[in-house]
Protein backbone atom coordinates (compact mmCIF):
# COMPACT_ATOMS: atom_id res chain seq x y z
CA MET A 1 -71.65 97.31 43.75
CA SER A 2 -70.46 94.06 42.67
CA ALA A 3 -66.88 92.67 42.98
CA ASN A 4 -66.45 92.90 39.20
CA TYR A 5 -66.87 96.66 39.31
CA LEU A 6 -63.19 97.08 40.73
CA THR A 7 -61.74 93.80 39.48
CA ASN A 8 -62.46 94.46 35.70
CA PRO A 9 -60.46 97.75 35.47
CA LEU A 10 -57.66 96.18 37.49
CA VAL A 11 -57.44 93.10 35.25
CA PHE A 12 -57.46 95.51 32.23
CA ILE A 13 -54.64 97.55 33.67
CA ILE A 14 -52.55 94.48 34.62
CA ASN A 15 -53.34 93.01 31.04
CA ALA A 16 -52.18 96.24 29.54
CA VAL A 17 -48.98 96.51 31.35
CA ILE A 18 -47.93 93.03 30.87
CA GLY A 19 -49.16 93.02 27.16
CA ALA A 20 -46.83 96.12 26.42
CA TYR A 21 -44.01 94.29 28.02
CA ILE A 22 -44.62 90.97 26.12
CA PHE A 23 -44.76 93.34 22.96
CA ILE A 24 -41.35 94.77 23.70
CA MET A 25 -40.03 91.28 24.42
CA MET A 26 -41.42 90.14 21.09
CA ILE A 27 -39.74 93.08 19.32
CA ARG A 28 -36.48 92.05 21.00
CA VAL A 29 -36.85 88.48 19.60
CA LEU A 30 -37.73 89.87 16.15
CA LEU A 31 -34.70 92.37 16.07
CA GLN A 32 -32.41 89.62 17.20
CA TYR A 33 -33.70 87.22 14.54
CA VAL A 34 -33.28 89.61 11.85
CA GLU A 35 -29.81 90.85 13.07
CA ALA A 36 -31.14 94.36 13.37
CA ASP A 37 -28.74 97.16 14.03
CA PHE A 38 -28.36 97.42 17.82
CA ASN A 39 -26.99 100.83 17.73
CA ASN A 40 -30.25 102.07 16.56
CA PRO A 41 -31.99 104.16 19.54
CA ILE A 42 -35.17 102.12 19.38
CA SER A 43 -33.24 98.95 19.54
CA LEU A 44 -31.21 100.24 22.44
CA PHE A 45 -34.45 101.08 24.14
CA VAL A 46 -35.72 97.42 23.62
CA ILE A 47 -32.53 95.90 24.80
CA ARG A 48 -32.51 98.09 27.96
CA ALA A 49 -36.10 97.34 28.64
CA THR A 50 -35.73 93.67 28.47
CA LYS A 51 -32.19 93.17 29.88
CA LEU A 52 -33.07 92.47 33.54
CA PRO A 53 -35.08 89.23 33.36
CA LEU A 54 -33.05 87.95 30.35
CA GLN A 55 -29.64 88.34 32.05
CA PHE A 56 -30.72 85.66 34.58
CA LEU A 57 -32.30 83.32 32.15
CA LYS A 58 -29.64 83.44 29.49
CA PRO A 59 -27.44 80.61 30.90
CA VAL A 60 -30.60 78.23 31.11
CA PHE A 61 -32.09 79.22 27.83
CA PRO A 62 -29.48 80.02 25.02
CA THR A 63 -30.04 81.72 21.75
CA ILE A 64 -30.37 79.15 19.02
CA LYS A 65 -30.35 80.23 15.35
CA ASN A 66 -30.82 83.90 16.38
CA ILE A 67 -33.96 83.05 18.49
CA ASN A 68 -33.58 84.15 22.04
CA LEU A 69 -35.15 81.36 23.85
CA SER A 70 -34.92 83.08 27.12
CA ALA A 71 -37.10 85.83 25.82
CA VAL A 72 -39.50 83.41 24.29
CA PHE A 73 -39.80 81.81 27.69
CA VAL A 74 -40.43 85.04 29.43
CA MET A 75 -43.17 85.85 26.95
CA VAL A 76 -44.83 82.46 27.56
CA ILE A 77 -44.81 82.89 31.34
CA LEU A 78 -46.16 86.46 31.19
CA GLN A 79 -48.91 85.48 28.66
CA MET A 80 -49.82 82.52 30.90
CA ALA A 81 -49.90 85.02 33.75
CA ILE A 82 -52.53 86.83 31.81
CA GLY A 83 -54.45 83.65 30.97
CA PHE A 84 -54.64 82.95 34.48
CA LEU A 85 -56.19 86.36 35.11
CA ILE A 86 -58.58 86.23 32.14
CA LEU A 87 -59.52 82.47 32.16
CA SER A 88 -59.58 81.72 35.89
CA GLU A 89 -63.34 82.59 35.89
CA GLN A 90 -64.03 79.65 33.49
CA VAL A 91 -64.68 76.27 34.93
CA GLY A 92 -62.50 73.46 34.06
CA VAL A 93 -59.60 75.38 32.34
CA GLU A 94 -56.20 73.80 33.52
CA VAL A 95 -52.82 74.81 33.22
CA PHE A 96 -52.24 72.96 29.86
CA GLY A 97 -55.28 74.93 28.42
CA ILE A 98 -54.00 78.34 29.60
CA PHE A 99 -50.50 77.28 27.98
CA VAL A 100 -52.12 76.43 24.76
CA TRP A 101 -53.99 79.81 24.87
CA SER A 102 -50.79 81.58 25.69
CA VAL A 103 -49.03 80.12 22.73
CA ALA A 104 -52.10 81.02 20.45
CA GLU A 105 -52.05 84.52 21.59
CA LEU A 106 -48.33 84.95 21.20
CA ILE A 107 -48.64 83.48 17.60
CA ASN A 108 -51.46 85.84 16.91
CA SER A 109 -49.50 88.70 18.27
CA LEU A 110 -46.57 87.81 16.16
CA ILE A 111 -48.52 87.72 12.95
CA ASN A 112 -50.23 90.90 13.89
CA ILE A 113 -46.81 92.56 14.30
CA PHE A 114 -45.85 91.44 10.85
CA MET A 115 -48.90 92.68 9.37
CA PHE A 116 -48.82 96.13 10.94
CA SER A 117 -45.11 96.52 10.11
CA ILE A 118 -45.78 95.66 6.39
CA PHE A 119 -48.75 97.94 6.35
CA LEU A 120 -46.73 100.92 7.95
CA THR A 121 -43.86 100.17 5.59
CA VAL A 122 -46.39 100.47 2.71
CA ILE A 123 -47.86 103.83 3.89
CA LEU A 124 -44.29 105.12 4.81
CA SER A 125 -43.04 104.52 1.34
CA TRP A 126 -45.98 106.46 -0.06
CA ILE A 127 -45.50 109.40 2.34
CA SER A 128 -41.79 109.93 2.47
CA PRO A 129 -39.74 107.53 0.31
CA GLY A 130 -36.05 107.45 0.67
CA THR A 131 -35.77 109.40 3.91
CA TYR A 132 -33.92 107.92 6.90
CA ASN A 133 -35.68 107.31 10.18
CA PRO A 134 -34.53 104.91 12.91
CA ALA A 135 -38.08 103.41 13.25
CA VAL A 136 -38.50 102.99 9.55
CA SER A 137 -35.26 101.04 9.10
CA LEU A 138 -36.19 98.69 11.78
CA LEU A 139 -39.74 98.19 10.25
CA TYR A 140 -38.13 97.28 7.00
CA LYS A 141 -35.59 94.90 8.78
CA ILE A 142 -38.45 93.16 10.61
CA THR A 143 -40.62 92.66 7.55
CA GLU A 144 -37.70 91.54 5.36
CA PRO A 145 -38.04 87.80 6.32
CA VAL A 146 -41.79 87.74 5.45
CA MET A 147 -41.33 89.93 2.36
CA ARG A 148 -38.39 88.32 0.56
CA PRO A 149 -40.24 85.19 -0.65
CA PHE A 150 -43.18 87.40 -2.08
CA GLN A 151 -40.72 89.90 -3.65
CA GLN A 152 -38.83 87.19 -5.37
CA PHE A 153 -42.00 85.70 -7.06
CA ILE A 154 -43.99 89.00 -7.53
CA PRO A 155 -41.95 91.43 -9.51
CA PRO A 156 -42.89 95.19 -9.36
CA MET A 157 -45.46 95.92 -12.13
CA GLY A 158 -45.44 99.48 -13.67
CA GLY A 159 -43.77 100.92 -10.48
CA MET A 160 -46.21 99.20 -8.05
CA ASP A 161 -44.99 96.54 -5.75
CA LEU A 162 -47.79 94.14 -5.11
CA SER A 163 -45.71 91.77 -2.93
CA PRO A 164 -46.96 93.55 0.30
CA MET A 165 -50.68 92.75 -0.48
CA ALA A 166 -49.76 89.14 -1.32
CA ALA A 167 -47.76 89.05 2.20
CA LEU A 168 -50.75 90.44 4.06
CA LEU A 169 -53.13 88.05 2.48
CA ALA A 170 -50.84 85.04 3.14
CA LEU A 171 -50.31 86.25 6.89
CA GLN A 172 -54.17 86.47 7.34
CA VAL A 173 -54.82 83.11 5.87
CA LEU A 174 -52.06 81.65 8.15
CA LYS A 175 -53.67 83.34 11.14
CA MET A 176 -56.98 81.82 10.21
CA LEU A 177 -55.52 78.32 9.64
CA LEU A 178 -53.37 78.46 13.00
CA ILE A 179 -55.21 80.11 15.59
CA PRO A 180 -58.56 78.48 15.70
CA PRO A 181 -57.18 74.89 15.92
CA LEU A 182 -55.16 76.04 19.01
CA TYR A 183 -58.15 77.68 20.71
CA SER A 184 -60.12 74.49 20.27
CA LEU A 185 -57.66 72.57 22.29
CA ILE A 186 -58.50 74.73 25.37
């Protein structure tokens, strides 16, 4: 058996665990940015799960305009750790290349979170409109900064709100315009 036989599953597990923590950290940044209800049970979980590393970094990296820079720093470092694992096999990849790859992956993840959140809010508005759920309220709060400009320019037509489709289209175009140039810098 080759060395990759055990290395690939190990890299996959490490990538999955670190990736899940990056996701939780990104949700924390988004919740702070949109000033979500921190008494929400999901918000409390996110805060508790991310509290330990951030309490040490908060004096060094403050929160500016509702963006928690200490959480952003932790996300970049963790994404770079994944980058070292994944890209270490490639010859000629330097620390700057891994940093650029990490930033591109984080931007890609952020856009994906917005896209999936918008998609889920649309589906949930069809299934159970008007019912309260802590997760649904956070989804609406997270998507609000992206949806607001589209809702201002695209009024509901005949009871159908077409602004989510426009927002999803714009996010996909943004992803197509931002990510490939960043990957080309590697």
